N, C-alpha and C. Protein backbone atom coordinates (compact mmCIF):
# COMPACT_ATOMS: atom_id res chain seq x y z
N MET A 1 -3.28 4.43 -55.92
CA MET A 1 -4.49 4.63 -55.19
C MET A 1 -4.15 4.97 -53.74
N SER A 2 -4.72 6.03 -53.22
CA SER A 2 -4.42 6.44 -51.84
C SER A 2 -5.31 5.71 -50.85
N GLN A 3 -4.73 5.46 -49.67
CA GLN A 3 -5.47 4.75 -48.63
C GLN A 3 -6.24 5.76 -47.78
N ARG A 4 -7.48 5.43 -47.48
CA ARG A 4 -8.30 6.33 -46.66
C ARG A 4 -7.80 6.31 -45.21
N ARG A 5 -7.92 7.46 -44.56
CA ARG A 5 -7.50 7.56 -43.16
C ARG A 5 -8.42 6.79 -42.23
N GLY A 6 -9.68 6.81 -42.47
CA GLY A 6 -10.65 6.20 -41.58
C GLY A 6 -11.05 4.81 -41.99
N SER A 7 -10.11 4.02 -42.48
CA SER A 7 -10.47 2.67 -42.91
C SER A 7 -10.89 1.84 -41.70
N PRO A 8 -11.76 0.87 -41.93
CA PRO A 8 -12.24 0.03 -40.81
C PRO A 8 -11.10 -0.70 -40.10
N GLU A 9 -10.07 -1.10 -40.83
CA GLU A 9 -8.96 -1.81 -40.20
C GLU A 9 -8.22 -0.89 -39.22
N ASP A 10 -7.99 0.36 -39.62
CA ASP A 10 -7.32 1.32 -38.73
C ASP A 10 -8.17 1.60 -37.49
N ASP A 11 -9.47 1.73 -37.72
CA ASP A 11 -10.38 2.01 -36.60
C ASP A 11 -10.37 0.86 -35.60
N ILE A 12 -10.40 -0.35 -36.09
CA ILE A 12 -10.37 -1.53 -35.21
C ILE A 12 -9.04 -1.60 -34.47
N GLY A 13 -7.96 -1.30 -35.18
CA GLY A 13 -6.64 -1.31 -34.54
C GLY A 13 -6.54 -0.28 -33.43
N ARG A 14 -7.06 0.93 -33.66
CA ARG A 14 -7.02 1.97 -32.62
C ARG A 14 -7.87 1.57 -31.42
N ARG A 15 -9.03 1.01 -31.67
CA ARG A 15 -9.90 0.57 -30.56
C ARG A 15 -9.22 -0.54 -29.76
N ALA A 16 -8.60 -1.48 -30.45
CA ALA A 16 -7.91 -2.57 -29.76
C ALA A 16 -6.77 -2.03 -28.91
N GLN A 17 -6.04 -1.05 -29.45
CA GLN A 17 -4.94 -0.46 -28.69
C GLN A 17 -5.46 0.25 -27.44
N ARG A 18 -6.55 0.99 -27.57
CA ARG A 18 -7.13 1.68 -26.40
C ARG A 18 -7.62 0.68 -25.36
N MET A 19 -8.23 -0.41 -25.80
CA MET A 19 -8.70 -1.43 -24.85
C MET A 19 -7.52 -2.08 -24.13
N LYS A 20 -6.43 -2.32 -24.86
CA LYS A 20 -5.25 -2.92 -24.25
C LYS A 20 -4.66 -1.98 -23.20
N GLN A 21 -4.57 -0.69 -23.52
CA GLN A 21 -4.04 0.27 -22.56
C GLN A 21 -4.95 0.40 -21.34
N ALA A 22 -6.26 0.34 -21.54
CA ALA A 22 -7.18 0.42 -20.42
C ALA A 22 -7.03 -0.78 -19.49
N ARG A 23 -6.78 -1.94 -20.05
CA ARG A 23 -6.57 -3.14 -19.22
C ARG A 23 -5.24 -3.07 -18.47
N GLU A 24 -4.21 -2.57 -19.13
CA GLU A 24 -2.89 -2.52 -18.51
C GLU A 24 -2.78 -1.43 -17.45
N ARG A 25 -3.49 -0.34 -17.64
CA ARG A 25 -3.42 0.79 -16.71
C ARG A 25 -4.82 1.21 -16.28
N PRO A 26 -5.41 0.44 -15.39
CA PRO A 26 -6.76 0.84 -14.94
C PRO A 26 -6.70 2.12 -14.12
N GLY A 27 -7.78 2.83 -14.10
CA GLY A 27 -7.85 4.05 -13.31
C GLY A 27 -7.85 3.74 -11.82
N LEU A 28 -7.68 4.76 -11.02
CA LEU A 28 -7.68 4.56 -9.57
C LEU A 28 -9.08 4.21 -9.09
N SER A 29 -9.14 3.19 -8.28
CA SER A 29 -10.41 2.74 -7.74
C SER A 29 -10.63 3.37 -6.37
N PRO A 30 -11.86 3.73 -6.04
CA PRO A 30 -12.13 4.23 -4.68
C PRO A 30 -11.80 3.20 -3.61
N LEU A 31 -11.90 1.94 -3.96
CA LEU A 31 -11.59 0.89 -2.98
C LEU A 31 -10.09 0.81 -2.69
N ARG A 32 -9.27 1.31 -3.61
CA ARG A 32 -7.83 1.29 -3.37
C ARG A 32 -7.47 2.16 -2.17
N GLY A 33 -8.15 3.30 -2.03
CA GLY A 33 -7.91 4.16 -0.87
C GLY A 33 -8.29 3.47 0.42
N LEU A 34 -9.41 2.75 0.41
CA LEU A 34 -9.80 2.00 1.61
C LEU A 34 -8.79 0.91 1.92
N GLY A 35 -8.27 0.28 0.89
CA GLY A 35 -7.25 -0.74 1.09
C GLY A 35 -5.99 -0.16 1.70
N ALA A 36 -5.63 1.04 1.27
CA ALA A 36 -4.44 1.70 1.83
C ALA A 36 -4.65 2.01 3.30
N PHE A 37 -5.84 2.52 3.64
CA PHE A 37 -6.11 2.79 5.06
C PHE A 37 -6.05 1.50 5.86
N GLY A 38 -6.57 0.42 5.31
CA GLY A 38 -6.52 -0.87 6.01
C GLY A 38 -5.10 -1.36 6.21
N MET A 39 -4.29 -1.23 5.18
CA MET A 39 -2.89 -1.67 5.28
C MET A 39 -2.14 -0.85 6.31
N ILE A 40 -2.36 0.45 6.30
CA ILE A 40 -1.69 1.31 7.29
C ILE A 40 -2.17 0.97 8.70
N GLY A 41 -3.47 0.75 8.85
CA GLY A 41 -4.01 0.40 10.17
C GLY A 41 -3.43 -0.90 10.70
N TRP A 42 -3.38 -1.93 9.84
CA TRP A 42 -2.83 -3.21 10.27
C TRP A 42 -1.35 -3.11 10.57
N SER A 43 -0.62 -2.33 9.76
CA SER A 43 0.83 -2.25 9.98
C SER A 43 1.17 -1.52 11.29
N ILE A 44 0.25 -0.73 11.80
CA ILE A 44 0.48 -0.07 13.09
C ILE A 44 -0.11 -0.91 14.23
N SER A 45 -1.29 -1.46 14.03
CA SER A 45 -1.96 -2.15 15.13
C SER A 45 -1.31 -3.49 15.49
N VAL A 46 -0.83 -4.24 14.52
CA VAL A 46 -0.25 -5.55 14.83
C VAL A 46 1.00 -5.43 15.72
N PRO A 47 1.98 -4.57 15.38
CA PRO A 47 3.12 -4.44 16.30
C PRO A 47 2.72 -3.87 17.67
N THR A 48 1.71 -3.00 17.69
CA THR A 48 1.29 -2.41 18.97
C THR A 48 0.66 -3.47 19.87
N VAL A 49 -0.25 -4.25 19.32
CA VAL A 49 -0.89 -5.31 20.11
C VAL A 49 0.12 -6.39 20.49
N GLY A 50 1.00 -6.73 19.54
CA GLY A 50 2.06 -7.69 19.85
C GLY A 50 2.95 -7.21 20.98
N GLY A 51 3.28 -5.92 20.96
CA GLY A 51 4.08 -5.35 22.04
C GLY A 51 3.35 -5.40 23.37
N ALA A 52 2.05 -5.17 23.35
CA ALA A 52 1.27 -5.22 24.59
C ALA A 52 1.28 -6.64 25.18
N PHE A 53 1.07 -7.64 24.33
CA PHE A 53 1.08 -9.02 24.84
C PHE A 53 2.46 -9.44 25.33
N LEU A 54 3.50 -9.07 24.59
CA LEU A 54 4.85 -9.38 25.03
C LEU A 54 5.15 -8.64 26.34
N GLY A 55 4.69 -7.40 26.47
CA GLY A 55 4.89 -6.65 27.69
C GLY A 55 4.19 -7.27 28.88
N LEU A 56 2.98 -7.79 28.68
CA LEU A 56 2.29 -8.48 29.77
C LEU A 56 3.08 -9.70 30.23
N TRP A 57 3.58 -10.46 29.28
CA TRP A 57 4.36 -11.65 29.61
C TRP A 57 5.63 -11.27 30.36
N LEU A 58 6.32 -10.22 29.87
CA LEU A 58 7.55 -9.79 30.53
C LEU A 58 7.28 -9.22 31.92
N ASP A 59 6.16 -8.50 32.10
CA ASP A 59 5.83 -7.97 33.43
C ASP A 59 5.61 -9.10 34.43
N ARG A 60 5.04 -10.22 33.98
CA ARG A 60 4.82 -11.35 34.88
C ARG A 60 6.11 -12.10 35.16
N ASN A 61 6.95 -12.24 34.16
CA ASN A 61 8.14 -13.10 34.31
C ASN A 61 9.42 -12.33 34.66
N LEU A 62 9.55 -11.10 34.25
CA LEU A 62 10.74 -10.30 34.53
C LEU A 62 10.34 -8.91 35.02
N PRO A 63 9.78 -8.81 36.22
CA PRO A 63 9.33 -7.50 36.69
C PRO A 63 10.50 -6.52 36.81
N GLN A 64 10.25 -5.30 36.43
CA GLN A 64 11.25 -4.23 36.47
C GLN A 64 10.64 -3.01 37.16
N GLY A 65 11.42 -1.97 37.28
CA GLY A 65 10.93 -0.73 37.89
C GLY A 65 10.05 0.06 36.93
N PHE A 66 9.98 -0.36 35.70
CA PHE A 66 9.12 0.30 34.70
C PHE A 66 8.15 -0.74 34.14
N SER A 67 7.16 -0.27 33.43
CA SER A 67 6.16 -1.17 32.86
C SER A 67 6.60 -1.60 31.46
N TRP A 68 6.78 -2.90 31.31
CA TRP A 68 7.11 -3.44 29.99
C TRP A 68 5.97 -3.20 29.01
N VAL A 69 4.74 -3.26 29.50
CA VAL A 69 3.58 -3.10 28.62
C VAL A 69 3.62 -1.73 27.95
N ILE A 70 3.79 -0.70 28.74
CA ILE A 70 3.79 0.66 28.18
C ILE A 70 4.98 0.85 27.25
N ALA A 71 6.14 0.37 27.66
CA ALA A 71 7.34 0.53 26.82
C ALA A 71 7.17 -0.18 25.48
N LEU A 72 6.63 -1.40 25.50
CA LEU A 72 6.51 -2.15 24.26
C LEU A 72 5.33 -1.69 23.41
N ILE A 73 4.30 -1.13 24.04
CA ILE A 73 3.23 -0.52 23.24
C ILE A 73 3.78 0.67 22.47
N LEU A 74 4.55 1.51 23.15
CA LEU A 74 5.16 2.65 22.46
C LEU A 74 6.13 2.18 21.38
N GLY A 75 6.90 1.16 21.69
CA GLY A 75 7.80 0.60 20.68
C GLY A 75 7.04 0.04 19.48
N GLY A 76 5.91 -0.60 19.73
CA GLY A 76 5.09 -1.13 18.64
C GLY A 76 4.51 -0.03 17.77
N VAL A 77 4.10 1.07 18.41
CA VAL A 77 3.57 2.20 17.63
C VAL A 77 4.66 2.79 16.75
N VAL A 78 5.86 2.94 17.30
CA VAL A 78 6.98 3.48 16.52
C VAL A 78 7.34 2.53 15.38
N LEU A 79 7.46 1.24 15.68
CA LEU A 79 7.77 0.26 14.65
C LEU A 79 6.68 0.24 13.57
N GLY A 80 5.43 0.25 13.98
CA GLY A 80 4.33 0.28 13.02
C GLY A 80 4.34 1.53 12.17
N GLY A 81 4.69 2.66 12.77
CA GLY A 81 4.80 3.90 12.00
C GLY A 81 5.86 3.81 10.93
N PHE A 82 7.00 3.21 11.28
CA PHE A 82 8.06 3.03 10.28
C PHE A 82 7.62 2.09 9.17
N ILE A 83 6.93 1.01 9.53
CA ILE A 83 6.44 0.07 8.52
C ILE A 83 5.45 0.76 7.58
N ALA A 84 4.52 1.52 8.16
CA ALA A 84 3.53 2.23 7.35
C ALA A 84 4.21 3.26 6.45
N TRP A 85 5.18 3.98 6.99
CA TRP A 85 5.90 4.98 6.21
C TRP A 85 6.64 4.34 5.04
N ALA A 86 7.29 3.21 5.28
CA ALA A 86 8.01 2.50 4.22
C ALA A 86 7.03 2.01 3.16
N TRP A 87 5.87 1.50 3.57
CA TRP A 87 4.88 1.00 2.62
C TRP A 87 4.34 2.14 1.76
N ILE A 88 4.04 3.27 2.39
CA ILE A 88 3.52 4.42 1.64
C ILE A 88 4.59 4.94 0.67
N SER A 89 5.83 5.00 1.11
CA SER A 89 6.91 5.45 0.23
C SER A 89 7.05 4.54 -0.97
N ARG A 90 7.01 3.23 -0.75
CA ARG A 90 7.14 2.28 -1.85
C ARG A 90 5.97 2.41 -2.81
N GLU A 91 4.75 2.52 -2.28
CA GLU A 91 3.58 2.66 -3.15
C GLU A 91 3.63 3.95 -3.97
N SER A 92 4.07 5.05 -3.35
CA SER A 92 4.12 6.30 -4.10
C SER A 92 5.19 6.25 -5.17
N ARG A 93 6.32 5.59 -4.90
CA ARG A 93 7.36 5.43 -5.93
C ARG A 93 6.84 4.59 -7.09
N GLU A 94 6.12 3.50 -6.78
CA GLU A 94 5.57 2.66 -7.84
C GLU A 94 4.54 3.42 -8.66
N GLU A 95 3.74 4.24 -8.00
CA GLU A 95 2.74 5.04 -8.70
C GLU A 95 3.41 6.05 -9.62
N GLU A 96 4.50 6.69 -9.14
CA GLU A 96 5.23 7.63 -9.99
C GLU A 96 5.86 6.92 -11.17
N ASP A 97 6.40 5.71 -10.94
CA ASP A 97 7.00 4.95 -12.04
C ASP A 97 5.95 4.57 -13.07
N ASP A 98 4.77 4.15 -12.61
CA ASP A 98 3.69 3.81 -13.52
C ASP A 98 3.22 5.00 -14.34
N ASN A 99 3.14 6.15 -13.71
CA ASN A 99 2.70 7.36 -14.42
C ASN A 99 3.79 7.91 -15.32
N GLY A 100 5.03 7.62 -15.04
CA GLY A 100 6.13 8.13 -15.86
C GLY A 100 6.29 7.38 -17.18
N ASP A 101 5.63 6.23 -17.31
CA ASP A 101 5.74 5.44 -18.54
C ASP A 101 4.98 6.04 -19.70
N HIS A 102 4.05 6.93 -19.45
CA HIS A 102 3.20 7.47 -20.52
C HIS A 102 4.01 8.19 -21.50
C-alpha cells in the first residue's frame, strides 16, 4: 500500500518545522534599526561627554597652553567613532553568519 503525500502527519510536521524556523530566525524588526541608531549614538556621546568633563577638571587642575576640554572632546569623538565602527562591523558579521546558515 502506498503512502499518500499529503497525509495529515506530514502536514503537521511541515507546519511545526516552519514554526520552529520562524522562532529561531525572526525577520528584521523596524525597532532593530532604531536600536542600532541608539547604540551608535551612545557609543559616540558617552566618550565625548566624558572627555569634556575630564577636560574641565584638567583645565582647572593642570592648566596648559591648550584647552584640555577641546582636546578631550575631539579624542572622545574619535574613540566613540572607533567603538561604533567596531560594533557595526561585529553586527554585520553576525548578520552574515546568520544568513549564511540557510
